[in-house]
Structures are given as structure tokens and as C-alpha cells.
């Protein structure tokens, strides 16, 4: 699938999601190329319908700047109790609506916003669908102080770790000053067991397995169909 066609699909799914956001609600907004289309669609509603929101929180500075450029006021997660809805993208989604996220490096804030939301919707094109989670490196955010030990431990466990690098070839640094180790496991045999292992590994800040969290996925198919899958 070429990029132009993929972008068209992303825009269709994002527009559908934008129409599902209730006026004067508290909205969580994710990050990524599909979410950028979602934000544009929110801006169009603001312009055409005088659409407003009580609060908006985001998972990245990129989304924050885009929202502010459209006239929305963006708050911090600490300013709200809970989001009514969070709309985000996903790097991979399986048949049970479990996902891998964090390809853009914002997994820690993404999961914090998600866990503090009443409802979660992911918007994707059909290329993100998989039968079993895998087909995409699993990001693990780690503390610099113990990252070398984490890397070696992941190697010993057969998790195929790789340092995430920036455009200059240096270790990628997250918003919180940590590093990311990508695990090249494909497929992930038992996602819940891996999540439990990572949750109990000292030095791991967060990982990109988003399990039993998403309520609905909006999928744009290349045949023009917009599919809604609910948990």
C-alpha cells in the first residue's frame, strides 16, 4: 500500500472518530500520523459547529502544538480527574483489541492518559491489523542508570533487544530522559506473560503492550469500508 492511499485511509478513520467526540467533554488525544488527521477533523468541527471541549490532554508536544494552532486550550493530565474519551492510534492491533504502541516514543504518557480514561478508541488503517501481536518492535522505556543490565537481561531471555536510536545515531531519549529498548519478538507468544515480566523488571519504566484497555477500534479498509470493532 502506497503512502498516499494509506494516508487517505487514516483520514477516513480519524474523521469518523472525531464525529464521536461529545461536545464539552474531557478528551484525551494521542500522537502519531493518524491522530494528526483526527486533530484536523476536530478543528473543522470547531470552525463549522463552534465545537468546544471542557478539557483536552495530549500525549505529545506535537499533538499539543497542533491543537493549540487550531484554537484549543490544552491542559496537563494532572489538571483533570479522568478523560471521558481518549482517541489514539496504534502500531499493531490483534483480534482481541490488544495492541502495541509507542513507535513514536511516547508510550509512558500514552499509557498514563489511557489508564485514566473512561473509554478508549484507537483509529487505524487495515495495515495495523494482526492475528497475533508482533510484526512491530515492542518498545520498553528504561532508566539510564540500569539500562545496560536491562539490555543484557533481555538478551539472556531471548527477547532480541535493540537500542532505539535517533537521527544522529545516538540513543533515543524520551520526554522523561530515559532510553528505549525495542524487543524484536515476532510474534509475541504470550503477551500477558511478557507484560507481567516487564512490569516486574526493575529499571523498566513502561512498555508498549496495551492489553485489555481499548474499548473500540475504528479501522479504515482499502475497499472504502469503515469498520468499528468493540470489545
C-alpha atoms as a PDB file:
ATOM      1  CA  UNK A   1       0.000   0.000   0.000  1.00  0.00           C
ATOM      2  CA  UNK A   2       1.481   3.348  -1.022  1.00  0.00           C
ATOM      3  CA  UNK A   3       1.683   6.241   1.416  1.00  0.00           C
ATOM      4  CA  UNK A   4      -0.972   8.344  -0.327  1.00  0.00           C
ATOM      5  CA  UNK A   5      -3.527   5.534  -0.115  1.00  0.00           C
ATOM      6  CA  UNK A   6      -2.573   4.816   3.494  1.00  0.00           C
ATOM      7  CA  UNK A   7      -2.996   8.483   4.409  1.00  0.00           C
ATOM      8  CA  UNK A   8      -6.455   8.502   2.800  1.00  0.00           C
ATOM      9  CA  UNK A   9      -7.471   5.531   4.937  1.00  0.00           C
ATOM     10  CA  UNK A  10      -6.087   7.147   8.086  1.00  0.00           C
ATOM     11  CA  UNK A  11      -8.020  10.334   7.355  1.00  0.00           C
ATOM     12  CA  UNK A  12     -11.286   8.412   6.924  1.00  0.00           C
ATOM     13  CA  UNK A  13     -10.900   6.611  10.240  1.00  0.00           C
ATOM     14  CA  UNK A  14      -9.832   9.809  12.002  1.00  0.00           C
ATOM     15  CA  UNK A  15     -12.822  11.777  10.689  1.00  0.00           C
ATOM     16  CA  UNK A  16     -15.184   9.049  11.894  1.00  0.00           C
ATOM     17  CA  UNK A  17     -13.632   9.191  15.374  1.00  0.00           C
ATOM     18  CA  UNK A  18     -13.827  12.990  15.511  1.00  0.00           C
ATOM     19  CA  UNK A  19     -17.578  12.851  14.968  1.00  0.00           C
ATOM     20  CA  UNK A  20     -17.887  10.569  18.016  1.00  0.00           C
ATOM     21  CA  UNK A  21     -16.426  13.145  20.436  1.00  0.00           C
ATOM     22  CA  UNK A  22     -19.134  14.733  22.556  1.00  0.00           C
ATOM     23  CA  UNK A  23     -19.315  18.497  22.965  1.00  0.00           C
ATOM     24  CA  UNK A  24     -17.976  19.890  26.272  1.00  0.00           C
ATOM     25  CA  UNK A  25     -16.428  16.558  27.267  1.00  0.00           C
ATOM     26  CA  UNK A  26     -12.928  15.843  28.608  1.00  0.00           C
ATOM     27  CA  UNK A  27     -10.826  14.438  25.775  1.00  0.00           C
ATOM     28  CA  UNK A  28      -7.506  12.651  25.708  1.00  0.00           C
ATOM     29  CA  UNK A  29      -5.625  12.930  22.425  1.00  0.00           C
ATOM     30  CA  UNK A  30      -2.809  10.612  21.411  1.00  0.00           C
ATOM     31  CA  UNK A  31       0.000  11.109  18.958  1.00  0.00           C
ATOM     32  CA  UNK A  32       1.046   9.925  15.534  1.00  0.00           C
ATOM     33  CA  UNK A  33       0.139  10.394  11.884  1.00  0.00           C
ATOM     34  CA  UNK A  34      -3.439   9.085  12.196  1.00  0.00           C
ATOM     35  CA  UNK A  35      -4.104  11.258  15.249  1.00  0.00           C
ATOM     36  CA  UNK A  36      -2.881  14.293  13.300  1.00  0.00           C
ATOM     37  CA  UNK A  37      -5.802  13.753  10.901  1.00  0.00           C
ATOM     38  CA  UNK A  38      -8.112  13.361  13.912  1.00  0.00           C
ATOM     39  CA  UNK A  39      -6.972  16.713  15.297  1.00  0.00           C
ATOM     40  CA  UNK A  40      -7.575  18.364  11.920  1.00  0.00           C
ATOM     41  CA  UNK A  41     -11.109  16.941  11.938  1.00  0.00           C
ATOM     42  CA  UNK A  42     -11.686  18.341  15.438  1.00  0.00           C
ATOM     43  CA  UNK A  43     -10.511  21.716  14.165  1.00  0.00           C
ATOM     44  CA  UNK A  44     -13.012  21.525  11.322  1.00  0.00           C
ATOM     45  CA  UNK A  45     -15.815  20.817  13.808  1.00  0.00           C
ATOM     46  CA  UNK A  46     -14.666  23.786  15.890  1.00  0.00           C
ATOM     47  CA  UNK A  47     -14.803  26.045  12.856  1.00  0.00           C
ATOM     48  CA  UNK A  48     -18.084  24.786  11.411  1.00  0.00           C
ATOM     49  CA  UNK A  49     -20.052  23.863  14.560  1.00  0.00           C
ATOM     50  CA  UNK A  50     -18.498  26.109  17.220  1.00  0.00           C
ATOM     51  CA  UNK A  51     -17.477  22.810  18.812  1.00  0.00           C
ATOM     52  CA  UNK A  52     -15.865  23.102  22.253  1.00  0.00           C
ATOM     53  CA  UNK A  53     -14.363  20.800  24.863  1.00  0.00           C
ATOM     54  CA  UNK A  54     -14.193  21.134  28.643  1.00  0.00           C
ATOM     55  CA  UNK A  55     -10.582  19.905  28.792  1.00  0.00           C
ATOM     56  CA  UNK A  56      -8.058  18.355  26.425  1.00  0.00           C
ATOM     57  CA  UNK A  57      -4.931  16.468  27.435  1.00  0.00           C
ATOM     58  CA  UNK A  58      -2.389  15.081  24.988  1.00  0.00           C
ATOM     59  CA  UNK A  59       0.404  12.521  24.905  1.00  0.00           C
ATOM     60  CA  UNK A  60       2.949  14.607  22.979  1.00  0.00           C
ATOM     61  CA  UNK A  61       4.132  18.151  22.356  1.00  0.00           C
ATOM     62  CA  UNK A  62       3.442  17.610  18.656  1.00  0.00           C
ATOM     63  CA  UNK A  63      -0.260  16.985  19.273  1.00  0.00           C
ATOM     64  CA  UNK A  64      -0.375  19.849  21.774  1.00  0.00           C
ATOM     65  CA  UNK A  65       1.057  22.331  19.262  1.00  0.00           C
ATOM     66  CA  UNK A  66      -1.338  21.180  16.552  1.00  0.00           C
ATOM     67  CA  UNK A  67      -4.352  21.528  18.857  1.00  0.00           C
ATOM     68  CA  UNK A  68      -3.261  24.959  20.056  1.00  0.00           C
ATOM     69  CA  UNK A  69      -2.761  26.105  16.462  1.00  0.00           C
ATOM     70  CA  UNK A  70      -6.450  25.314  15.902  1.00  0.00           C
ATOM     71  CA  UNK A  71      -7.529  27.338  18.923  1.00  0.00           C
ATOM     72  CA  UNK A  72      -7.924  24.586  21.523  1.00  0.00           C
ATOM     73  CA  UNK A  73      -6.610  25.043  25.065  1.00  0.00           C
ATOM     74  CA  UNK A  74      -4.531  22.053  26.171  1.00  0.00           C
ATOM     75  CA  UNK A  75      -4.238  21.043  29.819  1.00  0.00           C
ATOM     76  CA  UNK A  76      -1.897  18.721  31.696  1.00  0.00           C
ATOM     77  CA  UNK A  77      -3.007  15.251  32.792  1.00  0.00           C
ATOM     78  CA  UNK A  78      -2.599  16.395  36.405  1.00  0.00           C
ATOM     79  CA  UNK A  79      -5.264  19.084  35.771  1.00  0.00           C
ATOM     80  CA  UNK A  80      -8.063  16.555  35.252  1.00  0.00           C
ATOM     81  CA  UNK A  81      -9.524  13.668  37.216  1.00  0.00           C
ATOM     82  CA  UNK A  82     -10.356  11.487  34.230  1.00  0.00           C
ATOM     83  CA  UNK A  83     -10.890  11.779  30.500  1.00  0.00           C
ATOM     84  CA  UNK A  84     -14.317  10.859  29.151  1.00  0.00           C
ATOM     85  CA  UNK A  85     -12.676   9.546  25.995  1.00  0.00           C
ATOM     86  CA  UNK A  86      -9.161   9.090  24.670  1.00  0.00           C
ATOM     87  CA  UNK A  87      -8.553   8.730  20.945  1.00  0.00           C
ATOM     88  CA  UNK A  88      -5.188   7.426  19.829  1.00  0.00           C
ATOM     89  CA  UNK A  89      -3.529   5.397  17.124  1.00  0.00           C
ATOM     90  CA  UNK A  90      -1.834   2.035  17.483  1.00  0.00           C
ATOM     91  CA  UNK A  91       1.142   0.389  15.829  1.00  0.00           C
ATOM     92  CA  UNK A  92      -0.460  -3.066  15.811  1.00  0.00           C
ATOM     93  CA  UNK A  93      -3.857  -4.381  16.941  1.00  0.00           C
ATOM     94  CA  UNK A  94      -4.884  -8.028  17.318  1.00  0.00           C
ATOM     95  CA  UNK A  95      -8.300  -9.681  17.131  1.00  0.00           C
ATOM     96  CA  UNK A  96      -8.930  -9.136  20.868  1.00  0.00           C
ATOM     97  CA  UNK A  97      -8.217  -5.379  20.571  1.00  0.00           C
ATOM     98  CA  UNK A  98      -4.905  -5.686  22.355  1.00  0.00           C
ATOM     99  CA  UNK A  99      -2.173  -3.539  20.904  1.00  0.00           C
ATOM    100  CA  UNK A 100       1.434  -2.485  20.583  1.00  0.00           C
ATOM    101  CA  UNK A 101       2.013   1.245  20.954  1.00  0.00           C
ATOM    102  CA  UNK A 102       4.983   3.524  21.423  1.00  0.00           C
ATOM    103  CA  UNK A 103       6.516   3.593  17.957  1.00  0.00           C
ATOM    104  CA  UNK A 104       6.778   7.361  18.342  1.00  0.00           C
ATOM    105  CA  UNK A 105       8.446   7.074  21.750  1.00  0.00           C
ATOM    106  CA  UNK A 106       5.567   8.454  23.840  1.00  0.00           C
ATOM    107  CA  UNK A 107       4.417   5.154  25.376  1.00  0.00           C
ATOM    108  CA  UNK A 108       4.665   6.207  29.028  1.00  0.00           C
ATOM    109  CA  UNK A 109       2.433   9.254  28.714  1.00  0.00           C
ATOM    110  CA  UNK A 110       0.162   7.385  26.276  1.00  0.00           C
ATOM    111  CA  UNK A 111      -0.456   4.665  28.842  1.00  0.00           C
ATOM    112  CA  UNK A 112      -0.961   7.153  31.670  1.00  0.00           C
ATOM    113  CA  UNK A 113      -3.590   9.036  29.689  1.00  0.00           C
ATOM    114  CA  UNK A 114      -5.234   5.781  28.592  1.00  0.00           C
ATOM    115  CA  UNK A 115      -5.477   4.301  32.079  1.00  0.00           C
ATOM    116  CA  UNK A 116      -7.157   7.496  33.284  1.00  0.00           C
ATOM    117  CA  UNK A 117      -9.874   7.419  30.614  1.00  0.00           C
ATOM    118  CA  UNK A 118     -13.434   6.127  30.818  1.00  0.00           C
ATOM    119  CA  UNK A 119     -13.312   4.977  27.190  1.00  0.00           C
ATOM    120  CA  UNK A 120     -10.501   4.355  24.691  1.00  0.00           C
ATOM    121  CA  UNK A 121     -10.836   4.380  20.913  1.00  0.00           C
ATOM    122  CA  UNK A 122      -7.983   3.548  18.554  1.00  0.00           C
ATOM    123  CA  UNK A 123      -8.031   4.674  14.925  1.00  0.00           C
ATOM    124  CA  UNK A 124      -6.017   2.659  12.421  1.00  0.00           C
ATOM    125  CA  UNK A 125      -5.826   1.626   8.800  1.00  0.00           C
ATOM    126  CA  UNK A 126      -6.008  -2.058   7.912  1.00  0.00           C
ATOM    127  CA  UNK A 127      -2.216  -2.412   7.681  1.00  0.00           C
ATOM    128  CA  UNK A 128      -2.054  -2.285  11.505  1.00  0.00           C
ATOM    129  CA  UNK A 129      -4.200  -5.410  11.999  1.00  0.00           C
ATOM    130  CA  UNK A 130      -2.539  -8.688  13.011  1.00  0.00           C
ATOM    131  CA  UNK A 131      -3.821 -12.079  14.137  1.00  0.00           C
ATOM    132  CA  UNK A 132      -1.180 -12.227  16.895  1.00  0.00           C
ATOM    133  CA  UNK A 133       0.723  -9.309  18.385  1.00  0.00           C
ATOM    134  CA  UNK A 134       4.087  -8.888  16.704  1.00  0.00           C
ATOM    135  CA  UNK A 135       5.222  -7.641  13.308  1.00  0.00           C
ATOM    136  CA  UNK A 136       6.454  -4.497  15.087  1.00  0.00           C
ATOM    137  CA  UNK A 137       9.243  -3.926  17.646  1.00  0.00           C
ATOM    138  CA  UNK A 138       7.893  -3.750  21.195  1.00  0.00           C
ATOM    139  CA  UNK A 139       9.196  -0.586  22.902  1.00  0.00           C
ATOM    140  CA  UNK A 140      10.377  -0.749  26.503  1.00  0.00           C
ATOM    141  CA  UNK A 141      11.309   2.516  28.228  1.00  0.00           C
ATOM    142  CA  UNK A 142      14.179   2.005  30.681  1.00  0.00           C
ATOM    143  CA  UNK A 143      16.078   4.116  33.193  1.00  0.00           C
ATOM    144  CA  UNK A 144      19.602   5.115  32.068  1.00  0.00           C
ATOM    145  CA  UNK A 145      21.082   4.053  35.426  1.00  0.00           C
ATOM    146  CA  UNK A 146      20.337   0.364  34.828  1.00  0.00           C
ATOM    147  CA  UNK A 147      19.725   0.214  31.088  1.00  0.00           C
ATOM    148  CA  UNK A 148      22.816  -1.886  30.327  1.00  0.00           C
ATOM    149  CA  UNK A 149      21.745  -4.525  32.834  1.00  0.00           C
ATOM    150  CA  UNK A 150      18.232  -4.491  31.387  1.00  0.00           C
ATOM    151  CA  UNK A 151      19.599  -4.935  27.874  1.00  0.00           C
ATOM    152  CA  UNK A 152      21.757  -7.915  28.878  1.00  0.00           C
ATOM    153  CA  UNK A 153      18.896  -9.488  30.814  1.00  0.00           C
ATOM    154  CA  UNK A 154      16.608  -9.168  27.797  1.00  0.00           C
ATOM    155  CA  UNK A 155      19.301 -10.800  25.652  1.00  0.00           C
ATOM    156  CA  UNK A 156      19.551 -13.707  28.077  1.00  0.00           C
ATOM    157  CA  UNK A 157      15.765 -14.134  27.960  1.00  0.00           C
ATOM    158  CA  UNK A 158      15.826 -14.335  24.155  1.00  0.00           C
ATOM    159  CA  UNK A 159      13.820 -11.128  23.731  1.00  0.00           C
ATOM    160  CA  UNK A 160      16.046  -9.799  20.894  1.00  0.00           C
ATOM    161  CA  UNK A 161      16.669  -6.296  22.309  1.00  0.00           C
ATOM    162  CA  UNK A 162      17.774  -3.380  20.137  1.00  0.00           C
ATOM    163  CA  UNK A 163      18.599   0.154  21.244  1.00  0.00           C
ATOM    164  CA  UNK A 164      16.352   2.748  19.679  1.00  0.00           C
ATOM    165  CA  UNK A 165      18.500   5.410  18.031  1.00  0.00           C
ATOM    166  CA  UNK A 166      17.769   8.975  16.974  1.00  0.00           C
ATOM    167  CA  UNK A 167      18.502  10.529  13.592  1.00  0.00           C
ATOM    168  CA  UNK A 168      22.123  11.138  14.637  1.00  0.00           C
ATOM    169  CA  UNK A 169      22.719   7.540  15.615  1.00  0.00           C
ATOM    170  CA  UNK A 170      22.652   8.252  19.340  1.00  0.00           C
ATOM    171  CA  UNK A 171      20.394   6.536  21.828  1.00  0.00           C
ATOM    172  CA  UNK A 172      16.898   7.954  21.589  1.00  0.00           C
ATOM    173  CA  UNK A 173      15.963   9.964  24.684  1.00  0.00           C
ATOM    174  CA  UNK A 174      12.318  10.054  25.741  1.00  0.00           C
ATOM    175  CA  UNK A 175      10.342  13.003  27.089  1.00  0.00           C
ATOM    176  CA  UNK A 176      11.283  11.822  30.593  1.00  0.00           C
ATOM    177  CA  UNK A 177      15.000  11.477  29.880  1.00  0.00           C
ATOM    178  CA  UNK A 178      15.006   7.686  29.539  1.00  0.00           C
ATOM    179  CA  UNK A 179      16.082   5.269  26.795  1.00  0.00           C
ATOM    180  CA  UNK A 180      14.026   2.840  24.740  1.00  0.00           C
ATOM    181  CA  UNK A 181      14.934  -0.771  24.107  1.00  0.00           C
ATOM    182  CA  UNK A 182      12.896  -2.303  21.279  1.00  0.00           C
ATOM    183  CA  UNK A 183      12.231  -6.034  21.548  1.00  0.00           C
ATOM    184  CA  UNK A 184      12.130  -7.683  18.118  1.00  0.00           C
ATOM    185  CA  UNK A 185       9.890 -10.620  19.080  1.00  0.00           C
ATOM    186  CA  UNK A 186       7.605 -11.790  16.287  1.00  0.00           C
ATOM    187  CA  UNK A 187       5.097 -12.980  17.144  1.00  0.00           C
ATOM    188  CA  UNK A 188       4.850 -12.399  20.885  1.00  0.00           C
ATOM    189  CA  UNK A 189       3.943 -15.884  22.187  1.00  0.00           C
ATOM    190  CA  UNK A 190       2.091 -14.905  25.385  1.00  0.00           C
ATOM    191  CA  UNK A 191       1.573 -11.103  25.575  1.00  0.00           C
ATOM    192  CA  UNK A 192       0.093 -11.101  29.086  1.00  0.00           C
ATOM    193  CA  UNK A 193       3.013 -13.110  30.456  1.00  0.00           C
ATOM    194  CA  UNK A 194       5.540 -10.789  28.797  1.00  0.00           C
ATOM    195  CA  UNK A 195       3.702  -7.734  30.141  1.00  0.00           C
ATOM    196  CA  UNK A 196       3.796  -9.218  33.644  1.00  0.00           C
ATOM    197  CA  UNK A 197       7.530  -9.924  33.314  1.00  0.00           C
ATOM    198  CA  UNK A 198       8.269  -6.361  32.165  1.00  0.00           C
ATOM    199  CA  UNK A 199       6.004  -4.872  34.853  1.00  0.00           C
ATOM    200  CA  UNK A 200       8.123  -6.626  37.490  1.00  0.00           C
ATOM    201  CA  UNK A 201      11.541  -5.845  35.988  1.00  0.00           C
ATOM    202  CA  UNK A 202      13.416  -3.208  37.968  1.00  0.00           C
ATOM    203  CA  UNK A 203      14.584  -0.373  35.716  1.00  0.00           C
ATOM    204  CA  UNK A 204      11.678  -0.692  33.288  1.00  0.00           C
ATOM    205  CA  UNK A 205       9.612   2.487  33.334  1.00  0.00           C
ATOM    206  CA  UNK A 206       6.902   1.333  30.928  1.00  0.00           C
ATOM    207  CA  UNK A 207       6.326  -0.953  27.939  1.00  0.00           C
ATOM    208  CA  UNK A 208       4.253  -0.757  24.778  1.00  0.00           C
ATOM    209  CA  UNK A 209       1.885  -3.667  25.422  1.00  0.00           C
ATOM    210  CA  UNK A 210      -1.577  -2.138  25.811  1.00  0.00           C
ATOM    211  CA  UNK A 211      -3.647  -5.133  26.893  1.00  0.00           C
ATOM    212  CA  UNK A 212      -7.345  -5.250  27.871  1.00  0.00           C
ATOM    213  CA  UNK A 213      -7.545  -1.464  27.640  1.00  0.00           C
ATOM    214  CA  UNK A 214      -9.046  -0.483  24.301  1.00  0.00           C
ATOM    215  CA  UNK A 215     -12.856  -0.388  24.053  1.00  0.00           C
ATOM    216  CA  UNK A 216     -13.227   0.189  20.322  1.00  0.00           C
ATOM    217  CA  UNK A 217     -11.109   0.246  17.179  1.00  0.00           C
ATOM    218  CA  UNK A 218     -12.087   2.173  14.067  1.00  0.00           C
ATOM    219  CA  UNK A 219     -10.498   0.566  11.022  1.00  0.00           C
ATOM    220  CA  UNK A 220     -10.306   2.067   7.543  1.00  0.00           C
ATOM    221  CA  UNK A 221     -10.135  -0.657   4.878  1.00  0.00           C
ATOM    222  CA  UNK A 222      -8.720  -0.215   1.399  1.00  0.00           C
ATOM    223  CA  UNK A 223     -12.119  -1.106  -0.116  1.00  0.00           C
ATOM    224  CA  UNK A 224     -13.555   2.058   1.447  1.00  0.00           C
ATOM    225  CA  UNK A 225     -15.262   0.326   4.378  1.00  0.00           C
ATOM    226  CA  UNK A 226     -15.003   1.882   7.831  1.00  0.00           C
ATOM    227  CA  UNK A 227     -15.233  -0.936  10.356  1.00  0.00           C
ATOM    228  CA  UNK A 228     -15.931  -0.499  14.060  1.00  0.00           C
ATOM    229  CA  UNK A 229     -14.808  -3.328  16.338  1.00  0.00           C
ATOM    230  CA  UNK A 230     -15.816  -3.234  20.001  1.00  0.00           C
ATOM    231  CA  UNK A 231     -14.519  -5.255  22.907  1.00  0.00           C
END
